[in-house]
């Protein structure tokens, strides 16, 4: 397939979503999923692979920030559970 017949890469979009996930964690899963799907399309030869590096970097940032977001959420839940149980125990 010639380059004109390939889907255009979305490397810049994936990278921007990955970078935006640093202050706004919610964009991380989108960067991760889009990046993973686009890399699969590039490997299959259906998408322009010129944006592979941008896509990989954006996807990795999105993956890291998604994991951090999930761990932070779990830490907050643990904090509130411990806090609530401490209040219940202290009120006896």
N, C-alpha and C. Protein backbone atom coordinates (compact mmCIF):
# COMPACT_ATOMS: atom_id res chain seq x y z
N UNK A 1 0.84 -1.18 0.00
CA UNK A 1 0.00 0.00 0.00
C UNK A 1 0.88 1.24 0.00
N UNK A 2 0.57 2.19 -0.87
CA UNK A 2 1.36 3.42 -0.88
C UNK A 2 0.95 4.31 0.28
N UNK A 3 1.81 5.28 0.59
CA UNK A 3 1.53 6.18 1.73
C UNK A 3 0.23 6.95 1.56
N UNK A 4 -0.18 7.22 0.32
CA UNK A 4 -1.42 7.98 0.11
C UNK A 4 -2.65 7.14 0.44
N UNK A 5 -2.53 5.81 0.43
CA UNK A 5 -3.65 4.94 0.73
C UNK A 5 -3.73 4.57 2.21
N UNK A 6 -2.72 4.91 2.98
CA UNK A 6 -2.71 4.59 4.40
C UNK A 6 -3.51 5.61 5.20
N UNK A 7 -4.06 5.16 6.31
CA UNK A 7 -4.71 6.10 7.23
C UNK A 7 -3.63 7.04 7.78
N UNK A 8 -3.96 8.32 7.95
CA UNK A 8 -2.97 9.22 8.54
C UNK A 8 -2.75 8.88 10.01
N UNK A 9 -1.51 9.03 10.45
CA UNK A 9 -1.22 8.74 11.86
C UNK A 9 -1.81 9.82 12.75
N UNK A 10 -2.05 9.47 14.01
CA UNK A 10 -2.58 10.42 14.99
C UNK A 10 -1.58 10.62 16.12
N UNK A 11 -0.30 10.54 15.78
CA UNK A 11 0.75 10.63 16.77
C UNK A 11 0.71 11.90 17.59
N UNK A 12 0.44 13.03 16.95
CA UNK A 12 0.39 14.31 17.67
C UNK A 12 -0.77 14.32 18.66
N UNK A 13 -1.91 13.79 18.24
CA UNK A 13 -3.09 13.75 19.12
C UNK A 13 -2.81 12.86 20.33
N UNK A 14 -2.22 11.69 20.08
CA UNK A 14 -1.91 10.76 21.18
C UNK A 14 -0.91 11.40 22.13
N UNK A 15 0.10 12.07 21.58
CA UNK A 15 1.10 12.73 22.42
C UNK A 15 0.48 13.86 23.25
N UNK A 16 -0.37 14.67 22.64
CA UNK A 16 -1.02 15.76 23.38
C UNK A 16 -1.90 15.20 24.49
N UNK A 17 -2.65 14.14 24.21
CA UNK A 17 -3.48 13.52 25.25
C UNK A 17 -2.60 12.96 26.37
N UNK A 18 -1.47 12.38 26.00
CA UNK A 18 -0.56 11.87 27.02
C UNK A 18 0.00 12.98 27.89
N UNK A 19 0.41 14.08 27.28
CA UNK A 19 0.94 15.21 28.03
C UNK A 19 -0.14 15.83 28.90
N UNK A 20 -1.35 15.97 28.36
CA UNK A 20 -2.45 16.53 29.15
C UNK A 20 -2.83 15.64 30.33
N UNK A 21 -2.47 14.37 30.26
CA UNK A 21 -2.80 13.48 31.38
C UNK A 21 -1.93 13.76 32.60
N UNK A 22 -0.85 14.51 32.44
CA UNK A 22 -0.01 14.84 33.58
C UNK A 22 -0.77 15.75 34.54
N UNK A 23 -1.33 16.88 34.08
CA UNK A 23 -2.13 17.68 35.02
C UNK A 23 -3.57 17.20 35.14
N UNK A 24 -4.11 16.61 34.06
CA UNK A 24 -5.51 16.16 34.04
C UNK A 24 -5.52 14.66 33.74
N UNK A 25 -5.42 13.83 34.76
CA UNK A 25 -5.25 12.39 34.59
C UNK A 25 -6.27 11.71 33.72
N UNK A 26 -7.43 12.30 33.54
CA UNK A 26 -8.52 11.64 32.82
C UNK A 26 -8.18 11.38 31.35
N UNK A 27 -7.26 12.13 30.76
CA UNK A 27 -6.92 11.91 29.35
C UNK A 27 -5.94 10.76 29.17
N UNK A 28 -5.35 10.26 30.27
CA UNK A 28 -4.38 9.18 30.18
C UNK A 28 -4.90 7.91 29.53
N UNK A 29 -6.06 7.40 29.97
CA UNK A 29 -6.58 6.18 29.33
C UNK A 29 -6.84 6.35 27.83
N UNK A 30 -7.28 7.54 27.43
CA UNK A 30 -7.53 7.78 26.01
C UNK A 30 -6.23 7.71 25.21
N UNK A 31 -5.17 8.33 25.74
CA UNK A 31 -3.87 8.30 25.07
C UNK A 31 -3.36 6.87 24.99
N UNK A 32 -3.50 6.13 26.07
CA UNK A 32 -3.01 4.75 26.12
C UNK A 32 -3.75 3.87 25.11
N UNK A 33 -5.07 3.94 25.10
CA UNK A 33 -5.87 3.09 24.22
C UNK A 33 -5.70 3.49 22.76
N UNK A 34 -5.78 4.80 22.49
CA UNK A 34 -5.59 5.25 21.10
C UNK A 34 -4.20 4.88 20.59
N UNK A 35 -3.20 5.09 21.43
CA UNK A 35 -1.84 4.77 21.03
C UNK A 35 -1.65 3.29 20.75
N UNK A 36 -2.20 2.45 21.63
CA UNK A 36 -2.08 1.01 21.44
C UNK A 36 -2.76 0.58 20.14
N UNK A 37 -3.96 1.11 19.89
CA UNK A 37 -4.69 0.76 18.66
C UNK A 37 -3.97 1.26 17.41
N UNK A 38 -3.44 2.48 17.48
CA UNK A 38 -2.74 3.03 16.32
C UNK A 38 -1.45 2.28 16.03
N UNK A 39 -0.73 1.87 17.08
CA UNK A 39 0.49 1.09 16.86
C UNK A 39 0.17 -0.25 16.21
N UNK A 40 -0.95 -0.86 16.59
CA UNK A 40 -1.37 -2.11 15.96
C UNK A 40 -1.71 -1.89 14.49
N UNK A 41 -2.36 -0.76 14.19
CA UNK A 41 -2.67 -0.43 12.79
C UNK A 41 -1.39 -0.19 11.99
N UNK A 42 -0.42 0.46 12.60
CA UNK A 42 0.87 0.70 11.92
C UNK A 42 1.58 -0.63 11.66
N UNK A 43 1.57 -1.52 12.65
CA UNK A 43 2.20 -2.83 12.48
C UNK A 43 1.53 -3.64 11.39
N UNK A 44 0.22 -3.47 11.24
CA UNK A 44 -0.52 -4.20 10.21
C UNK A 44 -0.38 -3.55 8.84
N UNK A 45 0.23 -2.37 8.78
CA UNK A 45 0.44 -1.71 7.50
C UNK A 45 -0.75 -0.92 7.01
N UNK A 46 -1.69 -0.61 7.89
CA UNK A 46 -2.88 0.13 7.48
C UNK A 46 -2.81 1.61 7.86
N UNK A 47 -1.79 2.00 8.65
CA UNK A 47 -1.66 3.38 9.08
C UNK A 47 -0.23 3.85 8.81
N UNK A 48 -0.11 5.11 8.47
CA UNK A 48 1.18 5.71 8.20
C UNK A 48 2.06 5.60 9.46
N UNK A 49 3.21 4.97 9.32
CA UNK A 49 4.06 4.72 10.48
C UNK A 49 5.03 5.87 10.75
N UNK A 50 4.88 6.97 10.04
CA UNK A 50 5.76 8.12 10.26
C UNK A 50 5.60 8.69 11.66
N UNK A 51 4.43 8.55 12.26
CA UNK A 51 4.18 9.08 13.59
C UNK A 51 4.36 8.05 14.70
N UNK A 52 5.09 6.96 14.43
CA UNK A 52 5.26 5.89 15.40
C UNK A 52 5.88 6.39 16.71
N UNK A 53 6.94 7.18 16.63
CA UNK A 53 7.61 7.64 17.85
C UNK A 53 6.69 8.51 18.70
N UNK A 54 5.98 9.44 18.06
CA UNK A 54 5.04 10.29 18.81
C UNK A 54 3.96 9.44 19.47
N UNK A 55 3.46 8.47 18.72
CA UNK A 55 2.42 7.59 19.24
C UNK A 55 2.92 6.77 20.42
N UNK A 56 4.13 6.23 20.30
CA UNK A 56 4.69 5.44 21.39
C UNK A 56 4.89 6.28 22.65
N UNK A 57 5.44 7.46 22.50
CA UNK A 57 5.69 8.33 23.65
C UNK A 57 4.37 8.73 24.31
N UNK A 58 3.39 9.15 23.52
CA UNK A 58 2.09 9.52 24.07
C UNK A 58 1.40 8.37 24.76
N UNK A 59 1.50 7.18 24.18
CA UNK A 59 0.88 6.00 24.77
C UNK A 59 1.55 5.63 26.09
N UNK A 60 2.86 5.72 26.15
CA UNK A 60 3.59 5.38 27.38
C UNK A 60 3.27 6.39 28.48
N UNK A 61 3.24 7.68 28.14
CA UNK A 61 2.87 8.69 29.14
C UNK A 61 1.46 8.43 29.64
N UNK A 62 0.54 8.14 28.71
CA UNK A 62 -0.84 7.84 29.09
C UNK A 62 -0.94 6.63 30.00
N UNK A 63 -0.15 5.58 29.70
CA UNK A 63 -0.16 4.37 30.51
C UNK A 63 0.34 4.68 31.92
N UNK A 64 1.46 5.38 32.02
CA UNK A 64 2.03 5.70 33.33
C UNK A 64 1.06 6.55 34.14
N UNK A 65 0.48 7.57 33.52
CA UNK A 65 -0.42 8.46 34.25
C UNK A 65 -1.72 7.76 34.62
N UNK A 66 -2.18 6.82 33.80
CA UNK A 66 -3.37 6.04 34.15
C UNK A 66 -3.11 5.18 35.38
N UNK A 67 -1.96 4.54 35.40
CA UNK A 67 -1.60 3.70 36.55
C UNK A 67 -1.47 4.56 37.81
N UNK A 68 -0.83 5.73 37.68
CA UNK A 68 -0.71 6.63 38.83
C UNK A 68 -2.08 7.10 39.29
N UNK A 69 -2.97 7.41 38.35
CA UNK A 69 -4.32 7.86 38.70
C UNK A 69 -5.08 6.76 39.45
N UNK A 70 -4.98 5.52 39.00
CA UNK A 70 -5.67 4.41 39.67
C UNK A 70 -5.09 4.19 41.06
N UNK A 71 -3.77 4.21 41.18
CA UNK A 71 -3.15 4.02 42.49
C UNK A 71 -3.51 5.16 43.45
N UNK A 72 -3.58 6.38 42.92
CA UNK A 72 -3.98 7.52 43.76
C UNK A 72 -5.41 7.36 44.24
N UNK A 73 -6.27 6.93 43.35
CA UNK A 73 -7.68 6.71 43.71
C UNK A 73 -7.79 5.64 44.80
N UNK A 74 -7.04 4.56 44.65
CA UNK A 74 -7.07 3.50 45.66
C UNK A 74 -6.50 3.99 46.99
N UNK A 75 -5.48 4.83 46.94
CA UNK A 75 -4.90 5.38 48.16
C UNK A 75 -5.92 6.28 48.87
N UNK A 76 -6.67 7.08 48.10
CA UNK A 76 -7.70 7.93 48.72
C UNK A 76 -8.79 7.09 49.36
N UNK A 77 -9.19 6.04 48.69
CA UNK A 77 -10.20 5.15 49.27
C UNK A 77 -9.68 4.54 50.57
N UNK A 78 -8.44 4.06 50.56
CA UNK A 78 -7.86 3.48 51.77
C UNK A 78 -7.79 4.52 52.88
N UNK A 79 -7.41 5.74 52.54
CA UNK A 79 -7.33 6.81 53.54
C UNK A 79 -8.69 7.05 54.17
N UNK A 80 -9.73 7.17 53.36
CA UNK A 80 -11.06 7.45 53.90
C UNK A 80 -11.60 6.28 54.71
N UNK A 81 -11.31 5.06 54.29
CA UNK A 81 -11.74 3.89 55.07
C UNK A 81 -11.05 3.89 56.43
N UNK A 82 -9.74 4.13 56.43
CA UNK A 82 -9.01 4.16 57.70
C UNK A 82 -9.48 5.32 58.58
N UNK A 83 -9.72 6.47 57.96
CA UNK A 83 -10.20 7.64 58.70
C UNK A 83 -11.57 7.37 59.32
N UNK A 84 -12.46 6.79 58.54
CA UNK A 84 -13.80 6.48 59.03
C UNK A 84 -13.75 5.43 60.13
N UNK A 85 -12.90 4.43 59.96
CA UNK A 85 -12.81 3.40 61.01
C UNK A 85 -12.19 3.98 62.28
N UNK A 86 -11.25 4.92 62.16
CA UNK A 86 -10.67 5.57 63.34
C UNK A 86 -11.72 6.38 64.09
N UNK A 87 -12.61 7.04 63.36
CA UNK A 87 -13.69 7.80 64.00
C UNK A 87 -14.65 6.87 64.72
N UNK A 88 -14.99 5.76 64.10
CA UNK A 88 -15.91 4.80 64.71
C UNK A 88 -15.28 4.21 65.98
N UNK A 89 -14.00 3.86 65.91
CA UNK A 89 -13.32 3.27 67.08
C UNK A 89 -13.21 4.31 68.21
N UNK A 90 -12.88 5.54 67.86
CA UNK A 90 -12.70 6.57 68.90
C UNK A 90 -14.04 6.96 69.56
N UNK A 91 -15.14 6.83 68.83
CA UNK A 91 -16.44 7.14 69.40
C UNK A 91 -17.02 5.96 70.14
N UNK A 92 -16.36 4.82 69.97
CA UNK A 92 -16.62 3.60 70.68
C UNK A 92 -17.96 3.10 70.84
